[in-house]
Protein backbone atom coordinates (compact mmCIF):
# COMPACT_ATOMS: atom_id res chain seq x y z
CA GLU A 1 114.41 104.09 63.08
CA GLY A 2 112.62 106.64 60.92
CA LYS A 3 115.33 109.29 61.28
CA LEU A 4 115.95 111.61 58.38
CA VAL A 5 119.38 111.00 56.81
CA GLY A 6 118.99 112.89 53.55
CA ILE A 7 116.72 113.93 50.73
CA ILE A 8 116.68 113.03 47.06
CA THR A 9 114.63 114.81 44.40
CA GLY A 10 113.98 114.38 40.72
CA ARG A 11 116.64 116.96 40.04
CA ASP A 12 119.21 114.76 41.79
CA VAL A 13 118.53 111.65 39.71
CA ARG A 14 117.69 113.16 36.35
CA PHE A 15 121.25 113.02 35.03
CA ALA A 16 122.75 110.65 37.59
CA ASP A 17 124.43 107.36 36.72
CA PRO A 18 121.77 104.65 37.23
CA SER A 19 124.35 102.42 38.88
CA LEU A 20 124.83 104.85 41.78
CA ARG A 21 123.19 104.23 45.13
CA VAL A 22 120.72 106.64 46.70
CA ALA A 23 123.27 107.47 49.37
CA ASP A 24 125.67 108.64 46.65
CA VAL A 25 123.36 111.27 45.16
CA MET A 26 121.16 112.41 48.04
CA THR A 27 121.62 115.70 49.86
CA ARG A 28 122.77 114.98 53.41
CA ASP A 29 122.78 118.48 54.87
CA VAL A 30 119.01 118.97 54.85
CA ILE A 31 117.13 122.06 55.98
CA THR A 32 114.29 120.85 58.23
CA ALA A 33 111.40 122.22 60.25
CA LYS A 34 110.12 121.17 63.65
CA GLU A 35 106.68 119.69 64.24
CA GLY A 36 103.99 122.32 64.67
CA ILE A 37 105.55 124.85 62.30
CA LYS A 38 102.98 127.20 60.78
CA MET A 39 102.63 127.29 57.03
CA GLU A 40 103.62 130.96 56.94
CA GLU A 41 106.83 130.16 58.82
CA ALA A 42 107.54 127.24 56.51
CA GLU A 43 107.13 129.49 53.49
CA GLU A 44 109.61 132.02 54.87
CA LEU A 45 112.10 129.25 55.66
CA MET A 46 111.86 127.85 52.14
CA LYS A 47 112.27 131.29 50.62
CA SER A 48 115.31 132.14 52.71
CA HIS A 49 117.07 128.86 51.80
CA LYS A 50 115.75 128.76 48.21
CA ILE A 51 114.39 125.23 48.56
CA GLU A 52 111.17 123.64 47.32
CA LYS A 53 110.89 120.77 49.82
CA LEU A 54 110.98 121.07 53.59
CA PRO A 55 111.01 117.88 55.71
CA VAL A 56 109.29 118.09 59.11
CA VAL A 57 110.99 116.22 61.97
CA ASP A 58 110.42 115.69 65.68
CA GLU A 59 112.84 116.42 68.53
CA GLU A 60 114.72 113.18 67.83
CA GLY A 61 115.07 113.81 64.11
CA ARG A 62 112.42 111.33 62.99
CA LEU A 63 110.61 112.26 59.80
CA LYS A 64 107.03 113.35 60.43
CA GLY A 65 106.05 114.99 57.18
CA LEU A 66 107.08 116.97 54.12
CA ILE A 67 106.03 120.46 53.07
CA THR A 68 106.50 121.35 49.42
CA TYR A 69 106.30 124.63 47.59
CA LYS A 70 103.37 123.17 45.67
CA ASP A 71 101.51 122.75 48.98
CA ILE A 72 101.98 126.43 49.75
CA ALA A 73 101.00 127.53 46.24
CA LEU A 74 97.80 125.46 46.37
CA ARG A 75 96.93 126.86 49.80
CA GLY A 76 97.23 130.35 48.41
CA ARG A 77 95.11 129.55 45.38
CA TYR A 78 92.50 127.50 47.25
CA GLY A 79 92.39 129.17 50.63
CA ASN A 80 88.82 128.06 51.33
CA ALA A 81 89.51 124.36 50.87
CA THR A 82 88.32 122.21 53.78
CA ARG A 83 91.35 120.76 55.56
CA ASP A 84 91.97 118.80 58.74
CA GLU A 85 94.28 119.75 61.60
CA HIS A 86 97.23 118.34 59.63
CA GLY A 87 96.50 120.45 56.55
CA ARG A 88 95.18 117.52 54.53
CA LEU A 89 92.07 117.86 52.39
CA ARG A 90 89.07 116.37 54.14
CA VAL A 91 87.62 113.33 52.39
CA GLY A 92 84.30 111.54 52.79
CA ALA A 93 83.34 108.03 51.71
CA ALA A 94 80.01 106.60 50.61
CA ILE A 95 79.11 103.34 52.31
CA SER A 96 76.40 100.72 52.50
CA PRO A 97 74.92 100.36 56.00
CA PHE A 98 75.09 96.60 55.52
CA ASP A 99 78.85 96.42 54.89
CA LEU A 100 80.14 97.00 58.41
CA GLU A 101 83.70 95.81 57.77
CA ARG A 102 84.17 98.23 54.88
CA ALA A 103 82.76 101.06 56.99
CA LYS A 104 85.15 100.27 59.85
CA GLU A 105 88.17 100.26 57.53
CA LEU A 106 87.14 103.50 55.84
CA SER A 107 86.53 105.17 59.21
CA LYS A 108 90.26 104.86 59.90
CA ILE A 109 91.18 107.16 57.01
CA ALA A 110 88.07 109.13 56.03
CA ASP A 111 86.80 112.25 57.79
CA LEU A 112 83.16 111.45 57.06
CA LEU A 113 80.99 108.47 56.11
CA VAL A 114 77.79 108.90 54.09
CA ILE A 115 75.12 106.22 54.20
CA ASP A 116 74.42 105.85 50.50
CA VAL A 117 70.99 104.32 49.95
CA ALA A 118 68.15 105.56 47.77
CA HIS A 119 65.62 105.36 50.63
CA PHE A 120 67.04 105.56 54.16
CA HIS A 121 63.72 105.66 56.01
CA ASN A 122 63.10 101.93 56.26
CA LEU A 123 63.53 99.59 59.20
CA ARG A 124 66.39 97.46 57.86
CA VAL A 125 68.54 100.43 56.90
CA MET A 126 67.92 102.28 60.14
CA GLU A 127 68.68 99.27 62.33
CA ALA A 128 71.87 98.57 60.37
CA THR A 129 72.92 102.21 60.73
CA LYS A 130 72.40 102.14 64.50
CA LYS A 131 74.78 99.18 64.74
CA LEU A 132 77.28 100.89 62.44
CA LEU A 133 77.31 104.07 64.53
CA LYS A 134 78.51 102.06 67.52
CA GLU A 135 81.48 100.72 65.54
CA VAL A 136 82.91 103.83 63.87
CA ASP A 137 84.44 106.96 65.35
CA VAL A 138 83.81 109.49 62.57
CA ASP A 139 80.85 111.63 61.56
CA VAL A 140 78.10 109.78 59.68
CA VAL A 141 75.54 111.39 57.38
CA ALA A 142 72.19 109.64 56.92
CA GLY A 143 70.31 109.66 53.63
CA ASN A 144 68.56 109.91 51.43
CA ILE A 145 65.30 110.97 53.05
CA GLY A 146 62.39 113.10 51.89
CA THR A 147 59.81 113.58 54.62
CA TYR A 148 59.16 115.23 57.96
CA GLU A 149 58.51 111.82 59.53
CA ALA A 150 61.83 110.43 58.34
CA ALA A 151 63.73 113.29 59.95
CA VAL A 152 61.85 112.87 63.23
CA ASP A 153 62.53 109.13 63.36
CA ILE A 154 66.24 109.56 62.62
CA ILE A 155 66.88 112.46 64.99
CA SER A 156 65.01 110.76 67.84
CA SER A 157 66.78 107.42 67.47
CA MET A 158 70.38 108.02 66.41
CA ASP A 159 73.20 110.58 66.51
CA VAL A 160 74.06 111.51 62.93
CA ALA A 161 76.17 114.42 61.70
CA GLY A 162 73.84 115.41 58.88
CA LEU A 163 70.81 114.51 56.76
CA ARG A 164 71.02 114.07 52.99
CA VAL A 165 67.68 115.11 51.58
CA GLY A 166 65.90 114.51 48.28
CA ILE A 167 64.75 111.36 46.48
CA GLY A 168 64.60 110.86 42.72
CA SER A 169 65.39 114.42 41.61
CA GLY A 170 68.87 113.92 40.18
CA SER A 171 69.49 114.76 36.53
CA VAL A 172 70.35 111.14 35.70
CA CYS A 173 67.96 109.55 38.20
CA THR A 174 64.71 108.06 36.87
CA THR A 175 63.31 106.68 40.13
CA MET A 176 60.25 108.94 40.04
CA GLU A 177 59.52 108.06 36.41
CA VAL A 178 60.09 104.32 36.86
CA THR A 179 58.40 103.84 40.24
CA GLY A 180 56.25 106.93 40.73
CA VAL A 181 57.95 107.40 44.10
CA GLY A 182 60.11 110.33 45.11
CA ALA A 183 60.53 113.49 47.12
CA PRO A 184 61.53 116.53 45.02
CA THR A 185 64.41 118.33 46.66
CA PRO A 186 62.66 121.65 47.52
CA PHE A 187 59.71 119.79 49.07
CA ALA A 188 62.01 117.39 50.93
CA VAL A 189 64.27 120.14 52.29
CA ALA A 190 61.29 122.14 53.56
CA GLN A 191 59.82 119.05 55.23
CA VAL A 192 63.05 118.04 56.93
CA ALA A 193 63.90 121.63 57.93
CA ASP A 194 60.54 121.90 59.69
CA ALA A 195 61.27 118.71 61.63
CA VAL A 196 64.79 119.79 62.59
CA ARG A 197 63.57 123.19 63.76
CA GLU A 198 60.60 121.87 65.73
CA MET A 199 62.76 119.24 67.46
CA GLY A 200 65.38 121.84 68.35
CA ALA A 201 68.05 119.67 66.75
CA ASP A 202 71.42 120.89 65.51
CA VAL A 203 71.63 118.65 62.44
CA PRO A 204 72.65 120.21 59.10
CA ILE A 205 70.69 119.41 55.94
CA ILE A 206 72.34 118.56 52.62
CA ALA A 207 70.08 119.18 49.61
CA ASP A 208 70.76 116.45 47.07
CA GLY A 209 69.28 116.21 43.58
CA GLY A 210 68.18 118.51 40.78
CA ILE A 211 70.70 121.25 41.56
CA ARG A 212 71.42 122.62 38.09
CA GLY A 213 72.61 126.14 38.87
CA ALA A 214 73.14 128.85 41.45
CA GLY A 215 69.42 129.61 41.57
CA ASP A 216 68.67 126.06 42.69
CA ILE A 217 71.39 126.31 45.33
CA ALA A 218 69.94 129.58 46.65
CA ILE A 219 66.43 128.10 46.86
CA SER A 220 67.69 124.99 48.67
CA LEU A 221 69.57 127.11 51.20
CA ALA A 222 66.60 129.42 51.68
CA LEU A 223 64.38 126.43 52.44
CA GLY A 224 66.66 125.28 55.24
CA ALA A 225 69.64 123.44 53.78
CA SER A 226 73.15 124.15 55.04
CA SER A 227 74.83 122.80 51.91
CA VAL A 228 74.07 121.11 48.60
CA MET A 229 75.35 118.04 46.81
CA MET A 230 75.82 118.34 43.06
CA GLY A 231 76.60 115.91 40.27
CA TYR A 232 75.35 117.40 37.01
CA ILE A 233 77.10 120.73 37.46
CA PHE A 234 80.51 119.17 38.03
CA ALA A 235 80.10 116.22 35.65
CA GLY A 236 81.04 118.44 32.72
CA CYS A 237 84.25 119.74 34.32
CA ARG A 238 87.73 118.76 33.20
CA GLU A 239 88.52 117.15 36.56
CA SER A 240 85.50 114.81 36.52
CA PRO A 241 86.20 111.15 35.67
CA GLY A 242 83.95 110.93 32.60
CA GLU A 243 85.60 110.69 29.19
CA LEU A 244 85.67 113.80 26.97
CA ILE A 245 83.80 113.27 23.70
CA SER A 246 83.55 115.47 20.61
CA ILE A 247 80.10 115.59 18.97
CA GLY A 248 79.87 117.92 16.02
CA SER A 249 81.61 121.14 17.00
CA ARG A 250 81.10 120.74 20.75
CA TYR A 251 82.63 118.76 23.57
CA TYR A 252 80.76 116.67 26.12
CA LYS A 253 81.55 114.40 29.04
CA ARG A 254 79.87 111.11 29.85
CA HIS A 255 77.66 111.22 32.95
CA ARG A 256 75.75 108.29 34.41
CA GLY A 257 73.40 107.75 37.31
CA MET A 258 74.26 105.17 39.94
CA GLY A 259 71.05 103.34 39.08
CA SER A 260 71.77 103.27 35.34
CA GLU A 261 72.29 100.00 33.52
CA ALA A 262 76.02 100.70 33.06
CA ALA A 263 76.62 101.56 36.70
CA ARG A 264 74.53 98.66 37.94
CA LYS A 265 77.10 96.31 36.45
CA LYS A 266 79.56 97.65 38.99
CA ARG A 267 79.69 96.61 42.62
CA MET A 268 78.88 100.11 43.88
CA ALA A 269 75.41 100.09 42.32
CA LEU A 270 74.45 97.03 44.34
CA ASP A 271 75.07 98.92 47.58
CA ARG A 272 72.96 101.96 46.75
CA TYR A 273 69.96 100.19 45.25
CA SER A 274 70.04 97.29 47.73
CA GLN A 275 68.62 94.46 45.63
CA PRO A 276 71.21 92.78 43.36
CA ALA A 277 68.43 91.01 41.51
CA LYS A 278 66.38 94.15 40.85
CA GLY A 279 65.76 94.04 37.14
CA MET A 280 64.87 97.65 36.40
CA PRO A 281 67.37 100.48 36.14
CA GLU A 282 66.54 103.68 38.03
CA GLY A 283 68.97 105.95 36.22
CA ILE A 284 70.30 106.84 32.81
CA GLU A 285 73.61 107.46 31.10
CA ALA A 286 73.98 110.73 29.21
CA PHE A 287 76.36 113.36 27.87
CA VAL A 288 76.67 116.77 29.52
CA PRO A 289 78.28 119.86 27.95
CA TYR A 290 81.95 120.32 28.76
CA ARG A 291 82.33 123.25 31.16
CA GLY A 292 86.08 123.63 31.64
CA GLU A 293 87.96 123.65 34.92
CA VAL A 294 86.02 123.18 38.12
CA ASN A 295 87.48 126.26 39.82
CA MET A 296 85.93 128.46 37.12
CA VAL A 297 82.54 126.81 37.62
CA VAL A 298 82.78 127.28 41.39
CA GLU A 299 83.71 130.94 40.90
CA GLU A 300 80.63 131.48 38.71
CA LEU A 301 78.40 129.79 41.29
CA SER A 302 79.95 131.81 44.09
CA THR A 303 79.40 135.11 42.29
CA ALA A 304 75.76 134.28 41.55
CA LEU A 305 75.14 133.13 45.14
CA LYS A 306 76.54 136.37 46.51
CA ALA A 307 74.06 138.23 44.33
CA ALA A 308 71.21 136.01 45.57
CA PHE A 309 72.16 136.65 49.19
CA GLY A 310 72.37 140.36 48.44
CA TYR A 311 68.84 140.42 46.99
CA ALA A 312 67.59 138.69 50.14
CA GLY A 313 69.52 141.06 52.41
CA ALA A 314 71.36 138.16 54.02
CA SER A 315 75.04 137.93 54.91
CA SER A 316 74.96 134.30 56.07
CA ILE A 317 73.02 131.09 55.49
CA GLU A 318 71.36 131.43 58.91
CA GLU A 319 70.21 134.95 58.05
CA LEU A 320 68.89 133.70 54.70
CA TRP A 321 66.74 131.16 56.58
CA ARG A 322 65.15 134.01 58.52
CA LYS A 323 64.71 136.52 55.71
CA ALA A 324 63.89 134.48 52.61
CA ARG A 325 60.31 134.53 51.32
CA LEU A 326 59.10 131.99 48.78
CA ALA A 327 56.64 132.42 45.93
CA ARG A 328 55.21 129.97 43.41
CA LYS A 329 56.67 130.53 39.96
CA THR A 330 54.67 129.82 36.79
CA LEU A 331 55.93 128.70 33.41
CA HIS A 332 55.50 132.26 32.14
CA THR A 333 58.53 133.38 34.17
CA HIS A 334 60.71 131.07 32.06
CA GLU A 335 59.46 132.32 28.70
CA ARG A 336 61.57 134.79 26.79
CA ALA A 337 60.54 137.48 24.34
CA ARG A 338 59.77 135.88 20.98
CA ASP A 339 61.83 138.37 18.98
CA LEU A 340 65.12 137.55 20.72
CA ILE A 341 67.68 135.09 19.46
CA ILE A 342 69.54 133.51 22.37
CA PRO A 343 73.05 132.37 21.36
CA THR A 344 74.00 128.85 22.46
């Protein structure tokens, strides 16, 4: 009936006789919390009873959840994490607009669906997305796009939660080199931001591609983006899925584009680049320098972004949109004095 009758932890079974039943070793007199308890209240309850696990039950004693000390510690350490109303981390899923059944299943558990095609602004993709939007009950982000016209067509014909902007600018994407077609992220963001503003739409822009540091993030935000999507920066972090490789005296992690030959052998590549029979790869596989834990990288980016906002006199992204002024930068600004040795 789902009612809580006891709790058993690793401490209970570590030295227990394997022949014993769960009922023989579990703790029956369990400290519990009622549904709706605030995390601060749960922490105080756990401290007062010196416990690390706190089951959450309803009025009839049915188990509804479990709060652990680790949950509380992580909340304190990562207070800005994006969570849902139940305290769970929000998760998005990339989908093909042509796989409706997969999208419907993912919509039951994901907070967000992202249409993941290299070029969204074509008739087949847009028509498929319109049908998909009628079948799912979660936010859907459209992308990738790169022009004013694409934004106008999308905003005027469908209700999407965001626009992913930039084509061919990723560090491991070779679409522009292979096909000659693309929309560099700064250009694309400016184009789409103009369309969103002129149409009076409330659709956030996600800058995607070529974001290699805090300066690129600041420029993307100044041009009209609300957020950025990054691969290269995080690919070298400990938490990323790539394998850690030692080359000489340095460590690197493997990083591959979704259009690379290696990734194209996987099912996911067929979704993004639409044609299973397409013979040419539009991405590469490479090694990126190991950067350590992701929280340290995020802290560095955050510190640099605060400085960028300070230089612009902006205390929010919206204020940055109003105050930022852009200038064309020449190669000379990247050159360093010839008599300096820059350690690497």
